[in-house]
Amino acid sequence: MRILGPNLVRNFRAPADCNLKMMCDVSATRLNTLQALYPDVAAETNFEHMLNGVGLDALAVATSVKLHFPMAKAALSAGKHVLIEKPMAASAAQCEELIEIARKNGVVLMSPLEKIRIFDARVERPPHYDTFAEFQYAYHYGDVLSPFLKHKKPLEAECFHFLEFIRESRRPLTCGVRGVELVKILEAFSASLKLLGRAVPLFPSERTLSAQTQTHRRATGADDVLKVRSKRFPAVSSQPRR
């Protein structure tokens, strides 16, 4: 359980309609610390025991990325709803497999996204001007902006929505498809680095996507979003701008 784990415990204990039954960690020291804070929550060092005989409906995975896939796969295969911290898995292929397991078993698979930021680097020219000053180009030097959003603790909102989608049997906004998008971006950056900064296609053509992912994307509206993105950002390059 990484540092995010204790925060998940705290946030899942808050809703009145959520009964947090168990927390799991391979470290007995960390578990003892958590049990001192939450004595009413059972502690377990064996992840497999959580999937059998405990009666859990859902669980959250917050551990090393290399363990996201095997733990989430085991939980989804056991019919549990799963929240996985980002990135969802170590590869897009693993993400696709988790999406398919969740679809077959009719359970919620959710992976949160990054905080919204806008990269703005362009030159603007006014359409009309009366003076030389108005004629000047407006340069934007690539500042990273965080647009104003209604203030709410991200992890609190994440846990609330996970429970909401389970109760209402709805597909999360940050569903598995969104998670695989993030992993594909990370894979594209890694591939670009290996090619010494050469541009790498970011969003593949429809022919390269599995039938299940295409159907899932159209059902969630992600298909239209990706088409817009692919027109604006057709490739990723790790080379710095000059």
C-alpha atoms as a PDB file:
ATOM      1  CA  MET A   1       0.000   0.000   0.000  1.00  0.00           C
ATOM      2  CA  ARG A   2       1.629   3.242  -1.105  1.00  0.00           C
ATOM      3  CA  ILE A   3       1.207   6.587   0.622  1.00  0.00           C
ATOM      4  CA  LEU A   4      -2.097   6.980  -1.210  1.00  0.00           C
ATOM      5  CA  GLY A   5      -3.462   3.857   0.478  1.00  0.00           C
ATOM      6  CA  PRO A   6      -4.040   5.389   3.935  1.00  0.00           C
ATOM      7  CA  ASN A   7      -5.767   8.344   2.282  1.00  0.00           C
ATOM      8  CA  LEU A   8      -8.081   5.949   0.452  1.00  0.00           C
ATOM      9  CA  VAL A   9      -8.912   4.284   3.758  1.00  0.00           C
ATOM     10  CA  ARG A  10      -9.784   7.658   5.276  1.00  0.00           C
ATOM     11  CA  ASN A  11     -11.958   8.720   2.337  1.00  0.00           C
ATOM     12  CA  PHE A  12     -13.839   5.435   2.007  1.00  0.00           C
ATOM     13  CA  ARG A  13     -14.704   5.493   5.710  1.00  0.00           C
ATOM     14  CA  ALA A  14     -16.382   8.895   5.369  1.00  0.00           C
ATOM     15  CA  PRO A  15     -19.573   8.049   3.348  1.00  0.00           C
ATOM     16  CA  ALA A  16     -22.404   6.716   5.495  1.00  0.00           C
ATOM     17  CA  ASP A  17     -23.397   4.141   2.867  1.00  0.00           C
ATOM     18  CA  CYS A  18     -19.901   2.657   2.568  1.00  0.00           C
ATOM     19  CA  ASN A  19     -18.780  -0.084   4.959  1.00  0.00           C
ATOM     20  CA  LEU A  20     -14.996  -0.327   4.790  1.00  0.00           C
ATOM     21  CA  LYS A  21     -14.323  -3.886   5.912  1.00  0.00           C
ATOM     22  CA  MET A  22     -10.634  -4.539   5.278  1.00  0.00           C
ATOM     23  CA  MET A  23      -7.266  -3.006   4.393  1.00  0.00           C
ATOM     24  CA  CYS A  24      -4.344  -4.975   3.000  1.00  0.00           C
ATOM     25  CA  ASP A  25      -0.582  -4.402   3.041  1.00  0.00           C
ATOM     26  CA  VAL A  26       2.440  -6.688   2.920  1.00  0.00           C
ATOM     27  CA  SER A  27       4.057  -4.589   5.640  1.00  0.00           C
ATOM     28  CA  ALA A  28       2.908  -5.529   9.133  1.00  0.00           C
ATOM     29  CA  THR A  29       4.381  -2.273  10.443  1.00  0.00           C
ATOM     30  CA  ARG A  30       2.219  -0.144   8.161  1.00  0.00           C
ATOM     31  CA  LEU A  31      -0.825  -2.247   8.973  1.00  0.00           C
ATOM     32  CA  ASN A  32      -0.262  -1.797  12.693  1.00  0.00           C
ATOM     33  CA  THR A  33      -0.095   1.955  12.204  1.00  0.00           C
ATOM     34  CA  LEU A  34      -3.346   1.945  10.227  1.00  0.00           C
ATOM     35  CA  GLN A  35      -5.088  -0.294  12.733  1.00  0.00           C
ATOM     36  CA  ALA A  36      -4.172   2.122  15.497  1.00  0.00           C
ATOM     37  CA  LEU A  37      -5.997   4.815  13.506  1.00  0.00           C
ATOM     38  CA  TYR A  38      -8.894   2.626  12.342  1.00  0.00           C
ATOM     39  CA  PRO A  39      -9.362  -0.219  14.859  1.00  0.00           C
ATOM     40  CA  ASP A  40     -12.785  -1.092  13.425  1.00  0.00           C
ATOM     41  CA  VAL A  41     -11.283  -2.065  10.024  1.00  0.00           C
ATOM     42  CA  ALA A  42      -9.829  -5.567   9.658  1.00  0.00           C
ATOM     43  CA  ALA A  43      -6.208  -5.914   8.500  1.00  0.00           C
ATOM     44  CA  GLU A  44      -4.821  -8.484   6.080  1.00  0.00           C
ATOM     45  CA  THR A  45      -1.407  -9.213   4.545  1.00  0.00           C
ATOM     46  CA  ASN A  46      -2.698 -11.787   2.039  1.00  0.00           C
ATOM     47  CA  PHE A  47      -4.411 -10.147  -0.950  1.00  0.00           C
ATOM     48  CA  GLU A  48      -5.948 -13.410  -2.150  1.00  0.00           C
ATOM     49  CA  HIS A  49      -7.787 -13.776   1.156  1.00  0.00           C
ATOM     50  CA  MET A  50      -9.584 -10.503   0.462  1.00  0.00           C
ATOM     51  CA  LEU A  51     -11.113 -12.024  -2.668  1.00  0.00           C
ATOM     52  CA  ASN A  52     -12.433 -15.176  -1.005  1.00  0.00           C
ATOM     53  CA  GLY A  53     -14.776 -15.504   1.908  1.00  0.00           C
ATOM     54  CA  VAL A  54     -14.681 -11.897   3.130  1.00  0.00           C
ATOM     55  CA  GLY A  55     -17.743 -10.711   1.216  1.00  0.00           C
ATOM     56  CA  LEU A  56     -16.264  -7.601  -0.375  1.00  0.00           C
ATOM     57  CA  ASP A  57     -18.159  -5.901  -3.185  1.00  0.00           C
ATOM     58  CA  ALA A  58     -15.350  -3.619  -4.330  1.00  0.00           C
ATOM     59  CA  LEU A  59     -11.731  -2.778  -3.660  1.00  0.00           C
ATOM     60  CA  ALA A  60      -9.142  -0.126  -4.473  1.00  0.00           C
ATOM     61  CA  VAL A  61      -5.647  -0.934  -5.726  1.00  0.00           C
ATOM     62  CA  ALA A  62      -2.915   1.530  -4.735  1.00  0.00           C
ATOM     63  CA  THR A  63       0.443  -0.176  -4.990  1.00  0.00           C
ATOM     64  CA  SER A  64       3.410  -0.479  -7.382  1.00  0.00           C
ATOM     65  CA  VAL A  65       2.407  -0.216 -11.046  1.00  0.00           C
ATOM     66  CA  LYS A  66       3.788  -3.678 -11.815  1.00  0.00           C
ATOM     67  CA  LEU A  67       1.199  -5.127  -9.409  1.00  0.00           C
ATOM     68  CA  HIS A  68      -1.803  -3.200 -10.746  1.00  0.00           C
ATOM     69  CA  PHE A  69      -2.572  -5.694 -13.503  1.00  0.00           C
ATOM     70  CA  PRO A  70      -2.375  -9.020 -11.600  1.00  0.00           C
ATOM     71  CA  MET A  71      -4.254  -7.657  -8.589  1.00  0.00           C
ATOM     72  CA  ALA A  72      -6.954  -5.922 -10.630  1.00  0.00           C
ATOM     73  CA  LYS A  73      -7.348  -8.960 -12.893  1.00  0.00           C
ATOM     74  CA  ALA A  74      -7.834 -11.261  -9.905  1.00  0.00           C
ATOM     75  CA  ALA A  75     -10.371  -8.903  -8.338  1.00  0.00           C
ATOM     76  CA  LEU A  76     -12.354  -8.319 -11.559  1.00  0.00           C
ATOM     77  CA  SER A  77     -12.367 -12.060 -12.283  1.00  0.00           C
ATOM     78  CA  ALA A  78     -13.801 -12.595  -8.795  1.00  0.00           C
ATOM     79  CA  GLY A  79     -16.656 -10.212  -9.647  1.00  0.00           C
ATOM     80  CA  LYS A  80     -15.407  -7.232  -7.638  1.00  0.00           C
ATOM     81  CA  HIS A  81     -15.699  -3.584  -8.662  1.00  0.00           C
ATOM     82  CA  VAL A  82     -12.185  -2.132  -8.893  1.00  0.00           C
ATOM     83  CA  LEU A  83     -10.658   1.316  -8.516  1.00  0.00           C
ATOM     84  CA  ILE A  84      -7.029   1.408  -9.724  1.00  0.00           C
ATOM     85  CA  GLU A  85      -4.737   4.336  -9.127  1.00  0.00           C
ATOM     86  CA  LYS A  86      -3.065   5.741 -12.232  1.00  0.00           C
ATOM     87  CA  PRO A  87      -1.524   4.480 -14.357  1.00  0.00           C
ATOM     88  CA  MET A  88      -4.013   1.657 -14.691  1.00  0.00           C
ATOM     89  CA  ALA A  89      -1.407  -0.928 -15.733  1.00  0.00           C
ATOM     90  CA  ALA A  90       2.114  -1.247 -17.118  1.00  0.00           C
ATOM     91  CA  SER A  91       0.989  -1.565 -20.752  1.00  0.00           C
ATOM     92  CA  ALA A  92      -1.955  -0.767 -22.999  1.00  0.00           C
ATOM     93  CA  ALA A  93      -2.401  -4.494 -23.687  1.00  0.00           C
ATOM     94  CA  GLN A  94      -2.873  -5.137 -19.976  1.00  0.00           C
ATOM     95  CA  CYS A  95      -5.390  -2.288 -19.773  1.00  0.00           C
ATOM     96  CA  GLU A  96      -7.354  -3.743 -22.693  1.00  0.00           C
ATOM     97  CA  GLU A  97      -7.519  -7.106 -20.948  1.00  0.00           C
ATOM     98  CA  LEU A  98      -8.809  -5.541 -17.729  1.00  0.00           C
ATOM     99  CA  ILE A  99     -11.463  -3.617 -19.674  1.00  0.00           C
ATOM    100  CA  GLU A 100     -12.671  -6.818 -21.300  1.00  0.00           C
ATOM    101  CA  ILE A 101     -12.816  -8.746 -18.001  1.00  0.00           C
ATOM    102  CA  ALA A 102     -14.800  -5.923 -16.396  1.00  0.00           C
ATOM    103  CA  ARG A 103     -17.202  -5.855 -19.363  1.00  0.00           C
ATOM    104  CA  LYS A 104     -17.789  -9.610 -19.267  1.00  0.00           C
ATOM    105  CA  ASN A 105     -18.419  -9.635 -15.513  1.00  0.00           C
ATOM    106  CA  GLY A 106     -20.538  -6.485 -15.494  1.00  0.00           C
ATOM    107  CA  VAL A 107     -18.441  -4.697 -12.865  1.00  0.00           C
ATOM    108  CA  VAL A 108     -17.097  -1.154 -12.573  1.00  0.00           C
ATOM    109  CA  LEU A 109     -13.475  -0.545 -13.551  1.00  0.00           C
ATOM    110  CA  MET A 110     -12.291   2.964 -12.750  1.00  0.00           C
ATOM    111  CA  SER A 111      -8.933   4.707 -13.008  1.00  0.00           C
ATOM    112  CA  PRO A 112      -8.598   8.426 -12.211  1.00  0.00           C
ATOM    113  CA  LEU A 113      -7.026  10.961 -14.559  1.00  0.00           C
ATOM    114  CA  GLU A 114      -4.488  13.717 -14.041  1.00  0.00           C
ATOM    115  CA  LYS A 115      -5.389  17.240 -12.995  1.00  0.00           C
ATOM    116  CA  ILE A 116      -6.385  19.325 -16.014  1.00  0.00           C
ATOM    117  CA  ARG A 117      -3.657  21.515 -17.462  1.00  0.00           C
ATOM    118  CA  ILE A 118      -3.566  23.449 -20.720  1.00  0.00           C
ATOM    119  CA  PHE A 119      -0.338  23.787 -22.705  1.00  0.00           C
ATOM    120  CA  ASP A 120      -0.632  27.059 -24.619  1.00  0.00           C
ATOM    121  CA  ALA A 121       2.063  27.862 -27.192  1.00  0.00           C
ATOM    122  CA  ARG A 122       0.991  29.866 -30.229  1.00  0.00           C
ATOM    123  CA  VAL A 123       1.095  33.209 -32.021  1.00  0.00           C
ATOM    124  CA  GLU A 124      -2.070  35.280 -32.399  1.00  0.00           C
ATOM    125  CA  ARG A 125      -2.670  38.045 -34.919  1.00  0.00           C
ATOM    126  CA  PRO A 126      -5.641  40.387 -34.443  1.00  0.00           C
ATOM    127  CA  PRO A 127      -8.099  40.150 -37.376  1.00  0.00           C
ATOM    128  CA  HIS A 128      -8.452  43.953 -37.479  1.00  0.00           C
ATOM    129  CA  TYR A 129      -6.182  46.737 -36.286  1.00  0.00           C
ATOM    130  CA  ASP A 130      -6.068  50.529 -36.327  1.00  0.00           C
ATOM    131  CA  THR A 131      -2.621  51.170 -34.866  1.00  0.00           C
ATOM    132  CA  PHE A 132       0.826  49.662 -35.162  1.00  0.00           C
ATOM    133  CA  ALA A 133       0.587  48.424 -31.579  1.00  0.00           C
ATOM    134  CA  GLU A 134      -2.556  46.470 -32.383  1.00  0.00           C
ATOM    135  CA  PHE A 135      -0.754  45.016 -35.399  1.00  0.00           C
ATOM    136  CA  GLN A 136       1.895  43.378 -33.252  1.00  0.00           C
ATOM    137  CA  TYR A 137       1.738  39.665 -32.882  1.00  0.00           C
ATOM    138  CA  ALA A 138       0.716  38.300 -29.496  1.00  0.00           C
ATOM    139  CA  TYR A 139       3.194  35.652 -28.455  1.00  0.00           C
ATOM    140  CA  HIS A 140       2.386  32.873 -26.035  1.00  0.00           C
ATOM    141  CA  TYR A 141       5.469  31.205 -24.604  1.00  0.00           C
ATOM    142  CA  GLY A 142       4.015  27.889 -23.536  1.00  0.00           C
ATOM    143  CA  ASP A 143       2.858  28.613 -20.002  1.00  0.00           C
ATOM    144  CA  VAL A 144       1.162  25.693 -18.287  1.00  0.00           C
ATOM    145  CA  LEU A 145      -2.203  26.807 -16.939  1.00  0.00           C
ATOM    146  CA  SER A 146      -4.498  25.196 -14.389  1.00  0.00           C
ATOM    147  CA  PRO A 147      -8.033  26.424 -15.180  1.00  0.00           C
ATOM    148  CA  PHE A 148     -10.346  27.225 -12.294  1.00  0.00           C
ATOM    149  CA  LEU A 149     -12.554  24.346 -11.246  1.00  0.00           C
ATOM    150  CA  LYS A 150     -14.931  24.163  -8.342  1.00  0.00           C
ATOM    151  CA  HIS A 151     -12.816  23.302  -5.333  1.00  0.00           C
ATOM    152  CA  LYS A 152     -13.144  19.771  -4.066  1.00  0.00           C
ATOM    153  CA  LYS A 153     -10.543  17.377  -2.748  1.00  0.00           C
ATOM    154  CA  PRO A 154      -9.615  15.176  -5.746  1.00  0.00           C
ATOM    155  CA  LEU A 155      -9.315  11.915  -3.823  1.00  0.00           C
ATOM    156  CA  GLU A 156     -12.566  12.553  -1.960  1.00  0.00           C
ATOM    157  CA  ALA A 157     -14.362  13.143  -5.272  1.00  0.00           C
ATOM    158  CA  GLU A 158     -12.719  10.071  -6.775  1.00  0.00           C
ATOM    159  CA  CYS A 159     -13.946   7.779  -3.985  1.00  0.00           C
ATOM    160  CA  PHE A 160     -17.420   9.366  -3.999  1.00  0.00           C
ATOM    161  CA  HIS A 161     -17.868   8.837  -7.733  1.00  0.00           C
ATOM    162  CA  PHE A 162     -16.592   5.268  -7.573  1.00  0.00           C
ATOM    163  CA  LEU A 163     -19.282   4.438  -5.012  1.00  0.00           C
ATOM    164  CA  GLU A 164     -21.882   6.407  -6.962  1.00  0.00           C
ATOM    165  CA  PHE A 165     -21.274   4.496 -10.180  1.00  0.00           C
ATOM    166  CA  ILE A 166     -21.462   1.162  -8.340  1.00  0.00           C
ATOM    167  CA  ARG A 167     -24.777   2.073  -6.694  1.00  0.00           C
ATOM    168  CA  GLU A 168     -26.330   3.377  -9.912  1.00  0.00           C
ATOM    169  CA  SER A 169     -24.787   0.747 -12.220  1.00  0.00           C
ATOM    170  CA  ARG A 170     -23.382   3.497 -14.431  1.00  0.00           C
ATOM    171  CA  ARG A 171     -20.118   3.645 -16.344  1.00  0.00           C
ATOM    172  CA  PRO A 172     -17.567   5.972 -14.712  1.00  0.00           C
ATOM    173  CA  LEU A 173     -16.344   9.102 -16.490  1.00  0.00           C
ATOM    174  CA  THR A 174     -12.815   7.906 -15.735  1.00  0.00           C
ATOM    175  CA  CYS A 175     -13.500   4.369 -16.921  1.00  0.00           C
ATOM    176  CA  GLY A 176     -11.006   1.802 -18.176  1.00  0.00           C
ATOM    177  CA  VAL A 177     -10.963   3.359 -21.647  1.00  0.00           C
ATOM    178  CA  ARG A 178      -9.736   6.638 -20.169  1.00  0.00           C
ATOM    179  CA  GLY A 179      -7.093   4.685 -18.273  1.00  0.00           C
ATOM    180  CA  VAL A 180      -5.798   2.963 -21.380  1.00  0.00           C
ATOM    181  CA  GLU A 181      -5.566   6.341 -23.163  1.00  0.00           C
ATOM    182  CA  LEU A 182      -3.147   7.556 -20.494  1.00  0.00           C
ATOM    183  CA  VAL A 183      -1.026   4.412 -20.762  1.00  0.00           C
ATOM    184  CA  LYS A 184      -0.914   4.725 -24.567  1.00  0.00           C
ATOM    185  CA  ILE A 185       0.426   8.273 -24.174  1.00  0.00           C
ATOM    186  CA  LEU A 186       3.139   7.018 -21.794  1.00  0.00           C
ATOM    187  CA  GLU A 187       4.028   4.230 -24.235  1.00  0.00           C
ATOM    188  CA  ALA A 188       4.277   6.746 -27.098  1.00  0.00           C
ATOM    189  CA  PHE A 189       6.673   8.910 -25.088  1.00  0.00           C
ATOM    190  CA  SER A 190       8.827   5.882 -24.260  1.00  0.00           C
ATOM    191  CA  ALA A 191       8.908   4.843 -27.913  1.00  0.00           C
ATOM    192  CA  SER A 192       9.845   8.388 -28.953  1.00  0.00           C
ATOM    193  CA  LEU A 193      12.744   8.419 -26.491  1.00  0.00           C
ATOM    194  CA  LYS A 194      14.071   5.152 -27.915  1.00  0.00           C
ATOM    195  CA  LEU A 195      13.867   6.713 -31.411  1.00  0.00           C
ATOM    196  CA  LEU A 196      15.867   9.761 -30.256  1.00  0.00           C
ATOM    197  CA  GLY A 197      12.857  12.041 -30.200  1.00  0.00           C
ATOM    198  CA  ARG A 198      11.194  10.983 -33.432  1.00  0.00           C
ATOM    199  CA  ALA A 199       7.441  11.627 -33.549  1.00  0.00           C
ATOM    200  CA  VAL A 200       5.300   8.605 -32.681  1.00  0.00           C
ATOM    201  CA  PRO A 201       1.571   8.324 -33.582  1.00  0.00           C
ATOM    202  CA  LEU A 202      -0.430   8.959 -30.433  1.00  0.00           C
ATOM    203  CA  PHE A 203      -3.894   7.651 -31.275  1.00  0.00           C
ATOM    204  CA  PRO A 204      -3.989   4.627 -33.587  1.00  0.00           C
ATOM    205  CA  SER A 205      -6.431   4.141 -36.407  1.00  0.00           C
ATOM    206  CA  GLU A 206      -9.688   2.304 -35.814  1.00  0.00           C
ATOM    207  CA  ARG A 207      -8.281  -0.794 -37.513  1.00  0.00           C
ATOM    208  CA  THR A 208      -5.686  -1.279 -34.759  1.00  0.00           C
ATOM    209  CA  LEU A 209      -8.162  -1.138 -31.875  1.00  0.00           C
ATOM    210  CA  SER A 210      -9.940  -4.180 -30.526  1.00  0.00           C
ATOM    211  CA  ALA A 211     -13.642  -4.517 -31.305  1.00  0.00           C
ATOM    212  CA  GLN A 212     -14.450  -4.366 -27.592  1.00  0.00           C
ATOM    213  CA  THR A 213     -12.577  -1.080 -27.137  1.00  0.00           C
ATOM    214  CA  GLN A 214     -14.253   0.485 -30.189  1.00  0.00           C
ATOM    215  CA  THR A 215     -17.690  -0.467 -28.848  1.00  0.00           C
ATOM    216  CA  HIS A 216     -16.823   0.782 -25.358  1.00  0.00           C
ATOM    217  CA  ARG A 217     -15.512   4.084 -26.699  1.00  0.00           C
ATOM    218  CA  ARG A 218     -18.644   4.740 -28.739  1.00  0.00           C
ATOM    219  CA  ALA A 219     -20.881   3.864 -25.777  1.00  0.00           C
ATOM    220  CA  THR A 220     -19.092   6.259 -23.418  1.00  0.00           C
ATOM    221  CA  GLY A 221     -18.593   9.117 -25.875  1.00  0.00           C
ATOM    222  CA  ALA A 222     -14.822   8.644 -25.742  1.00  0.00           C
ATOM    223  CA  ASP A 223     -14.806   7.927 -29.476  1.00  0.00           C
ATOM    224  CA  ASP A 224     -15.771  11.489 -30.411  1.00  0.00           C
ATOM    225  CA  VAL A 225     -13.285  12.956 -27.944  1.00  0.00           C
ATOM    226  CA  LEU A 226     -10.421  10.899 -29.341  1.00  0.00           C
ATOM    227  CA  LYS A 227     -11.229  11.896 -32.920  1.00  0.00           C
ATOM    228  CA  VAL A 228     -10.914  15.542 -31.966  1.00  0.00           C
ATOM    229  CA  ARG A 229      -7.677  14.889 -30.104  1.00  0.00           C
ATOM    230  CA  SER A 230      -6.139  12.928 -32.953  1.00  0.00           C
ATOM    231  CA  LYS A 231      -6.709  15.841 -35.345  1.00  0.00           C
ATOM    232  CA  ARG A 232      -5.051  18.310 -32.995  1.00  0.00           C
ATOM    233  CA  PHE A 233      -2.292  16.098 -31.627  1.00  0.00           C
ATOM    234  CA  PRO A 234      -1.519  13.367 -34.200  1.00  0.00           C
ATOM    235  CA  ALA A 235       1.840  12.388 -32.707  1.00  0.00           C
ATOM    236  CA  VAL A 236       4.045  12.614 -29.661  1.00  0.00           C
ATOM    237  CA  SER A 237       7.720  13.577 -29.721  1.00  0.00           C
ATOM    238  CA  SER A 238      10.107  13.672 -26.792  1.00  0.00           C
ATOM    239  CA  GLN A 239      12.337  16.290 -28.432  1.00  0.00           C
ATOM    240  CA  PRO A 240      12.298  19.712 -26.756  1.00  0.00           C
ATOM    241  CA  ARG A 241      11.116  22.691 -28.769  1.00  0.00           C
ATOM    242  CA  ARG A 242      13.807  25.061 -30.071  1.00  0.00           C
END
